[in-house]
Amino acid sequence: METKALAGKTIGTVGVLDLRTATEASVGGIRRIGNVRMVLVAPETTHLLPRINAGNIGGTVEAPAEARLLSGQVVINREYSRHQPEPLHLIVTGQIVVEPQVQAADIEKGLGSLHASGHIFCPEQLSCAL
């Protein structure tokens, strides 16, 4: 009896699997992924998620393809988004610290979306804006 090897890559356990810019071809080249803590998809790539053969998936986050993925401690102060031409879209795995000098208007103007996996330390008066 002849046994054929399964085609495609096998990937071990990963913390973050970013599919926001994936294509049919790139996903088709993966045979199996171990456990995944968090899968990132864009609205344009959510249809690819069922095609991923993964062990366990801890969670899925839908975010724009242009969102910045940051890990560790992120400090948001008054200068954080001041010179950005458009509001920032952030995905943070780690700790977010919002400094007390930040105003609600700074957050509303500079932050388009925020997806966080971790602790957020924020002055109470900014919690609604955040």
N, C-alpha and C. Protein backbone atom coordinates (compact mmCIF):
# COMPACT_ATOMS: atom_id res chain seq x y z
N MET A 1 0.83 -1.18 0.00
CA MET A 1 0.00 0.00 0.00
C MET A 1 0.88 1.25 0.00
N GLU A 2 0.57 2.20 -0.85
CA GLU A 2 1.35 3.42 -0.99
C GLU A 2 0.74 4.55 -0.16
N THR A 3 1.59 5.27 0.56
CA THR A 3 1.13 6.40 1.36
C THR A 3 1.74 7.67 0.80
N LYS A 4 0.90 8.64 0.50
CA LYS A 4 1.40 9.92 -0.02
C LYS A 4 1.51 10.91 1.13
N ALA A 5 2.58 11.70 1.12
CA ALA A 5 2.76 12.74 2.13
C ALA A 5 1.76 13.87 1.86
N LEU A 6 1.22 14.41 2.92
CA LEU A 6 0.30 15.54 2.77
C LEU A 6 1.08 16.78 2.38
N ALA A 7 0.58 17.51 1.41
CA ALA A 7 1.24 18.72 0.94
C ALA A 7 0.94 19.87 1.89
N GLY A 8 1.86 20.81 1.94
CA GLY A 8 1.65 22.01 2.74
C GLY A 8 2.54 22.04 3.97
N LYS A 9 2.62 23.23 4.54
CA LYS A 9 3.46 23.46 5.72
C LYS A 9 2.72 23.09 6.99
N THR A 10 3.47 22.65 7.97
CA THR A 10 2.94 22.45 9.31
C THR A 10 3.63 23.48 10.19
N ILE A 11 2.84 24.24 10.95
CA ILE A 11 3.35 25.30 11.81
C ILE A 11 3.02 24.93 13.25
N GLY A 12 3.96 25.13 14.14
CA GLY A 12 3.73 24.82 15.55
C GLY A 12 2.80 25.83 16.20
N THR A 13 2.80 25.83 17.50
CA THR A 13 1.96 26.74 18.28
C THR A 13 2.44 28.18 18.09
N VAL A 14 1.48 29.11 17.89
CA VAL A 14 1.83 30.51 17.69
C VAL A 14 1.00 31.41 18.61
N GLY A 15 1.58 32.54 18.99
CA GLY A 15 0.86 33.51 19.82
C GLY A 15 -0.16 34.29 19.01
N VAL A 16 0.30 34.86 17.88
CA VAL A 16 -0.58 35.68 17.04
C VAL A 16 -0.44 35.21 15.60
N LEU A 17 -1.54 34.86 14.99
CA LEU A 17 -1.57 34.49 13.58
C LEU A 17 -2.25 35.62 12.85
N ASP A 18 -1.49 36.35 12.06
CA ASP A 18 -2.00 37.54 11.37
C ASP A 18 -2.43 37.18 9.95
N LEU A 19 -3.74 37.13 9.73
CA LEU A 19 -4.30 36.82 8.42
C LEU A 19 -4.86 38.05 7.73
N ARG A 20 -4.53 39.25 8.23
CA ARG A 20 -5.14 40.47 7.68
C ARG A 20 -4.78 40.71 6.23
N THR A 21 -3.64 40.23 5.78
CA THR A 21 -3.25 40.40 4.38
C THR A 21 -3.06 39.05 3.68
N ALA A 22 -3.61 38.00 4.26
CA ALA A 22 -3.49 36.66 3.67
C ALA A 22 -4.29 36.55 2.38
N THR A 23 -3.91 35.58 1.58
CA THR A 23 -4.60 35.30 0.33
C THR A 23 -5.03 33.84 0.31
N GLU A 24 -5.87 33.49 -0.65
CA GLU A 24 -6.28 32.09 -0.81
C GLU A 24 -5.05 31.21 -0.98
N ALA A 25 -4.09 31.68 -1.78
CA ALA A 25 -2.89 30.89 -2.06
C ALA A 25 -2.02 30.71 -0.81
N SER A 26 -1.85 31.78 -0.03
CA SER A 26 -0.99 31.66 1.15
C SER A 26 -1.60 30.75 2.20
N VAL A 27 -2.91 30.80 2.38
CA VAL A 27 -3.58 29.94 3.35
C VAL A 27 -3.62 28.51 2.82
N GLY A 28 -3.77 28.35 1.51
CA GLY A 28 -3.80 27.02 0.92
C GLY A 28 -2.50 26.25 1.07
N GLY A 29 -1.41 26.96 1.32
CA GLY A 29 -0.11 26.32 1.49
C GLY A 29 0.15 25.83 2.91
N ILE A 30 -0.84 25.96 3.80
CA ILE A 30 -0.67 25.54 5.19
C ILE A 30 -1.53 24.30 5.43
N ARG A 31 -0.89 23.23 5.86
CA ARG A 31 -1.62 21.99 6.12
C ARG A 31 -2.19 21.99 7.53
N ARG A 32 -1.41 22.43 8.52
CA ARG A 32 -1.84 22.36 9.92
C ARG A 32 -1.08 23.40 10.73
N ILE A 33 -1.79 23.99 11.71
CA ILE A 33 -1.19 24.91 12.68
C ILE A 33 -1.53 24.37 14.05
N GLY A 34 -0.58 24.43 14.96
CA GLY A 34 -0.84 24.00 16.33
C GLY A 34 -1.85 24.92 16.98
N ASN A 35 -1.71 25.17 18.24
CA ASN A 35 -2.60 26.07 18.96
C ASN A 35 -2.26 27.52 18.63
N VAL A 36 -3.30 28.37 18.58
CA VAL A 36 -3.13 29.79 18.27
C VAL A 36 -3.80 30.59 19.37
N ARG A 37 -3.06 31.51 19.97
CA ARG A 37 -3.64 32.34 21.03
C ARG A 37 -4.63 33.35 20.46
N MET A 38 -4.23 34.04 19.37
CA MET A 38 -5.10 35.06 18.78
C MET A 38 -4.91 35.07 17.26
N VAL A 39 -6.02 35.08 16.55
CA VAL A 39 -6.01 35.20 15.09
C VAL A 39 -6.50 36.59 14.73
N LEU A 40 -5.75 37.26 13.87
CA LEU A 40 -6.15 38.59 13.38
C LEU A 40 -6.64 38.44 11.95
N VAL A 41 -7.82 39.01 11.69
CA VAL A 41 -8.37 39.02 10.34
C VAL A 41 -8.83 40.43 10.01
N ALA A 42 -8.84 40.75 8.74
CA ALA A 42 -9.41 42.01 8.26
C ALA A 42 -10.80 41.68 7.72
N PRO A 43 -11.66 42.67 7.56
CA PRO A 43 -12.97 42.38 6.99
C PRO A 43 -12.87 41.63 5.65
N GLU A 44 -11.81 41.90 4.90
CA GLU A 44 -11.63 41.26 3.58
C GLU A 44 -11.12 39.83 3.68
N THR A 45 -10.63 39.42 4.85
CA THR A 45 -10.03 38.08 4.95
C THR A 45 -10.73 37.16 5.94
N THR A 46 -11.86 37.57 6.49
CA THR A 46 -12.55 36.71 7.46
C THR A 46 -12.98 35.39 6.83
N HIS A 47 -13.26 35.39 5.54
CA HIS A 47 -13.69 34.16 4.88
C HIS A 47 -12.59 33.09 4.85
N LEU A 48 -11.34 33.47 5.11
CA LEU A 48 -10.23 32.51 5.11
C LEU A 48 -10.12 31.74 6.43
N LEU A 49 -10.71 32.26 7.47
CA LEU A 49 -10.57 31.65 8.80
C LEU A 49 -11.01 30.19 8.85
N PRO A 50 -12.13 29.81 8.27
CA PRO A 50 -12.53 28.39 8.32
C PRO A 50 -11.58 27.46 7.58
N ARG A 51 -10.72 28.00 6.75
CA ARG A 51 -9.78 27.17 5.98
C ARG A 51 -8.51 26.86 6.76
N ILE A 52 -8.38 27.45 7.94
CA ILE A 52 -7.20 27.21 8.77
C ILE A 52 -7.47 25.98 9.63
N ASN A 53 -6.62 24.98 9.48
CA ASN A 53 -6.72 23.77 10.29
C ASN A 53 -5.81 23.96 11.50
N ALA A 54 -6.40 24.47 12.61
CA ALA A 54 -5.63 24.76 13.82
C ALA A 54 -6.14 23.93 14.97
N GLY A 55 -5.24 23.67 15.93
CA GLY A 55 -5.62 22.93 17.12
C GLY A 55 -6.68 23.67 17.90
N ASN A 56 -6.30 24.61 18.70
CA ASN A 56 -7.21 25.46 19.46
C ASN A 56 -6.93 26.91 19.10
N ILE A 57 -7.99 27.72 19.03
CA ILE A 57 -7.85 29.15 18.80
C ILE A 57 -8.41 29.86 20.01
N GLY A 58 -7.57 30.67 20.66
CA GLY A 58 -8.00 31.38 21.86
C GLY A 58 -9.00 32.48 21.57
N GLY A 59 -8.81 33.21 20.50
CA GLY A 59 -9.72 34.30 20.15
C GLY A 59 -9.42 34.83 18.77
N THR A 60 -10.39 35.55 18.23
CA THR A 60 -10.26 36.14 16.91
C THR A 60 -10.57 37.63 17.01
N VAL A 61 -9.74 38.44 16.36
CA VAL A 61 -9.93 39.89 16.34
C VAL A 61 -10.03 40.33 14.89
N GLU A 62 -11.10 41.07 14.58
CA GLU A 62 -11.23 41.66 13.25
C GLU A 62 -10.77 43.11 13.34
N ALA A 63 -9.77 43.44 12.55
CA ALA A 63 -9.20 44.79 12.58
C ALA A 63 -8.77 45.17 11.16
N PRO A 64 -8.69 46.46 10.88
CA PRO A 64 -8.26 46.88 9.55
C PRO A 64 -6.85 46.37 9.23
N ALA A 65 -6.58 46.12 7.97
CA ALA A 65 -5.26 45.65 7.55
C ALA A 65 -4.17 46.63 7.95
N GLU A 66 -4.49 47.92 8.03
CA GLU A 66 -3.47 48.94 8.36
C GLU A 66 -3.26 49.10 9.87
N ALA A 67 -4.00 48.36 10.68
CA ALA A 67 -3.83 48.47 12.14
C ALA A 67 -2.42 48.04 12.54
N ARG A 68 -1.88 48.75 13.51
CA ARG A 68 -0.55 48.43 14.02
C ARG A 68 -0.65 47.39 15.12
N LEU A 69 0.16 46.35 15.01
CA LEU A 69 0.22 45.31 16.03
C LEU A 69 1.39 45.63 16.95
N LEU A 70 1.09 45.86 18.22
CA LEU A 70 2.11 46.22 19.20
C LEU A 70 2.06 45.23 20.36
N SER A 71 3.22 44.90 20.90
CA SER A 71 3.25 44.04 22.08
C SER A 71 4.14 44.66 23.13
N GLY A 72 3.88 44.29 24.37
CA GLY A 72 4.62 44.89 25.48
C GLY A 72 3.81 46.02 26.07
N GLN A 73 4.50 46.99 26.64
CA GLN A 73 3.81 48.13 27.24
C GLN A 73 3.69 49.28 26.24
N VAL A 74 2.48 49.79 26.08
CA VAL A 74 2.21 50.92 25.19
C VAL A 74 1.74 52.07 26.07
N VAL A 75 2.43 53.19 25.99
CA VAL A 75 2.06 54.37 26.77
C VAL A 75 1.44 55.39 25.83
N ILE A 76 0.22 55.78 26.15
CA ILE A 76 -0.48 56.79 25.35
C ILE A 76 -0.41 58.10 26.11
N ASN A 77 0.29 59.07 25.50
CA ASN A 77 0.38 60.41 26.10
C ASN A 77 -0.18 61.41 25.10
N ARG A 78 -0.07 62.69 25.42
CA ARG A 78 -0.68 63.72 24.55
C ARG A 78 -0.02 63.77 23.17
N GLU A 79 1.22 63.35 23.05
CA GLU A 79 1.94 63.40 21.77
C GLU A 79 1.77 62.14 20.93
N TYR A 80 1.16 61.11 21.49
CA TYR A 80 1.12 59.80 20.83
C TYR A 80 0.58 59.86 19.41
N SER A 81 -0.50 60.54 19.20
CA SER A 81 -1.10 60.56 17.86
C SER A 81 -1.19 61.96 17.27
N ARG A 82 -0.52 62.90 17.90
CA ARG A 82 -0.64 64.30 17.48
C ARG A 82 -0.27 64.55 16.03
N HIS A 83 0.76 63.89 15.52
CA HIS A 83 1.24 64.16 14.16
C HIS A 83 0.82 63.08 13.16
N GLN A 84 -0.16 62.29 13.51
CA GLN A 84 -0.68 61.27 12.60
C GLN A 84 -1.69 61.91 11.65
N PRO A 85 -1.58 61.63 10.35
CA PRO A 85 -2.53 62.22 9.41
C PRO A 85 -3.96 61.66 9.56
N GLU A 86 -4.06 60.43 10.05
CA GLU A 86 -5.36 59.79 10.25
C GLU A 86 -5.36 59.12 11.62
N PRO A 87 -6.54 58.85 12.17
CA PRO A 87 -6.58 58.16 13.46
C PRO A 87 -5.89 56.80 13.39
N LEU A 88 -5.23 56.44 14.48
CA LEU A 88 -4.52 55.17 14.57
C LEU A 88 -5.47 54.02 14.88
N HIS A 89 -5.17 52.88 14.32
CA HIS A 89 -5.87 51.65 14.64
C HIS A 89 -4.83 50.75 15.30
N LEU A 90 -5.06 50.36 16.54
CA LEU A 90 -4.07 49.61 17.30
C LEU A 90 -4.59 48.26 17.76
N ILE A 91 -3.71 47.28 17.70
CA ILE A 91 -3.95 45.97 18.29
C ILE A 91 -2.80 45.80 19.29
N VAL A 92 -3.12 45.70 20.56
CA VAL A 92 -2.08 45.64 21.58
C VAL A 92 -2.20 44.33 22.36
N THR A 93 -1.10 43.59 22.39
CA THR A 93 -1.01 42.43 23.27
C THR A 93 -0.01 42.82 24.34
N GLY A 94 -0.51 43.17 25.48
CA GLY A 94 0.35 43.63 26.56
C GLY A 94 -0.40 44.63 27.40
N GLN A 95 0.32 45.60 27.88
CA GLN A 95 -0.23 46.57 28.82
C GLN A 95 -0.36 47.94 28.14
N ILE A 96 -1.50 48.60 28.37
CA ILE A 96 -1.71 49.95 27.86
C ILE A 96 -1.80 50.88 29.06
N VAL A 97 -1.01 51.95 29.02
CA VAL A 97 -1.03 52.96 30.07
C VAL A 97 -1.41 54.28 29.42
N VAL A 98 -2.51 54.88 29.87
CA VAL A 98 -2.93 56.18 29.39
C VAL A 98 -2.54 57.20 30.45
N GLU A 99 -1.69 58.15 30.07
CA GLU A 99 -1.22 59.14 31.03
C GLU A 99 -2.34 60.12 31.41
N PRO A 100 -2.29 60.64 32.63
CA PRO A 100 -3.36 61.53 33.13
C PRO A 100 -3.53 62.83 32.34
N GLN A 101 -2.49 63.30 31.64
CA GLN A 101 -2.59 64.56 30.89
C GLN A 101 -3.40 64.42 29.59
N VAL A 102 -3.66 63.19 29.17
CA VAL A 102 -4.40 62.96 27.94
C VAL A 102 -5.84 63.45 28.12
N GLN A 103 -6.36 64.11 27.11
CA GLN A 103 -7.73 64.60 27.11
C GLN A 103 -8.61 63.66 26.29
N ALA A 104 -9.89 63.64 26.58
CA ALA A 104 -10.82 62.81 25.80
C ALA A 104 -10.77 63.17 24.32
N ALA A 105 -10.62 64.45 24.01
CA ALA A 105 -10.54 64.89 22.61
C ALA A 105 -9.31 64.31 21.91
N ASP A 106 -8.20 64.13 22.64
CA ASP A 106 -7.00 63.52 22.06
C ASP A 106 -7.29 62.09 21.61
N ILE A 107 -8.01 61.36 22.45
CA ILE A 107 -8.34 59.96 22.13
C ILE A 107 -9.33 59.91 20.98
N GLU A 108 -10.36 60.73 21.04
CA GLU A 108 -11.38 60.72 19.98
C GLU A 108 -10.81 61.11 18.63
N LYS A 109 -9.85 62.03 18.61
CA LYS A 109 -9.24 62.47 17.37
C LYS A 109 -8.16 61.50 16.87
N GLY A 110 -7.40 60.94 17.79
CA GLY A 110 -6.22 60.17 17.38
C GLY A 110 -6.36 58.67 17.35
N LEU A 111 -7.44 58.13 17.89
CA LEU A 111 -7.57 56.68 17.96
C LEU A 111 -8.82 56.23 17.20
N GLY A 112 -8.60 55.51 16.10
CA GLY A 112 -9.72 55.01 15.30
C GLY A 112 -10.32 53.76 15.89
N SER A 113 -9.45 52.85 16.35
CA SER A 113 -9.93 51.62 17.00
C SER A 113 -8.82 51.08 17.88
N LEU A 114 -9.23 50.33 18.89
CA LEU A 114 -8.28 49.73 19.81
C LEU A 114 -8.77 48.33 20.16
N HIS A 115 -7.90 47.36 19.95
CA HIS A 115 -8.16 45.98 20.35
C HIS A 115 -7.05 45.62 21.33
N ALA A 116 -7.41 45.24 22.53
CA ALA A 116 -6.42 45.00 23.56
C ALA A 116 -6.56 43.61 24.16
N SER A 117 -5.42 42.98 24.34
CA SER A 117 -5.34 41.72 25.07
C SER A 117 -4.32 41.95 26.17
N GLY A 118 -4.80 42.31 27.32
CA GLY A 118 -3.92 42.64 28.44
C GLY A 118 -4.59 43.66 29.33
N HIS A 119 -3.81 44.27 30.19
CA HIS A 119 -4.34 45.25 31.14
C HIS A 119 -4.32 46.65 30.55
N ILE A 120 -5.34 47.43 30.92
CA ILE A 120 -5.41 48.83 30.53
C ILE A 120 -5.45 49.66 31.81
N PHE A 121 -4.51 50.58 31.93
CA PHE A 121 -4.48 51.51 33.05
C PHE A 121 -4.82 52.88 32.50
N CYS A 122 -5.97 53.39 32.92
CA CYS A 122 -6.50 54.60 32.31
C CYS A 122 -7.19 55.43 33.40
N PRO A 123 -6.98 56.76 33.38
CA PRO A 123 -7.73 57.59 34.32
C PRO A 123 -9.23 57.41 34.11
N GLU A 124 -9.97 57.38 35.20
CA GLU A 124 -11.40 57.10 35.14
C GLU A 124 -12.14 58.04 34.20
N GLN A 125 -11.76 59.30 34.16
CA GLN A 125 -12.47 60.26 33.32
C GLN A 125 -12.25 60.02 31.83
N LEU A 126 -11.30 59.16 31.46
CA LEU A 126 -11.06 58.85 30.05
C LEU A 126 -11.61 57.50 29.62
N SER A 127 -12.14 56.75 30.54
CA SER A 127 -12.57 55.39 30.22
C SER A 127 -13.66 55.36 29.15
N CYS A 128 -14.57 56.30 29.16
CA CYS A 128 -15.62 56.32 28.13
C CYS A 128 -15.05 56.66 26.76
N ALA A 129 -14.10 57.58 26.70
CA ALA A 129 -13.49 57.95 25.42
C ALA A 129 -12.66 56.80 24.86
N LEU A 130 -12.01 56.07 25.75
CA LEU A 130 -11.17 54.96 25.32
C LEU A 130 -12.02 53.79 24.88
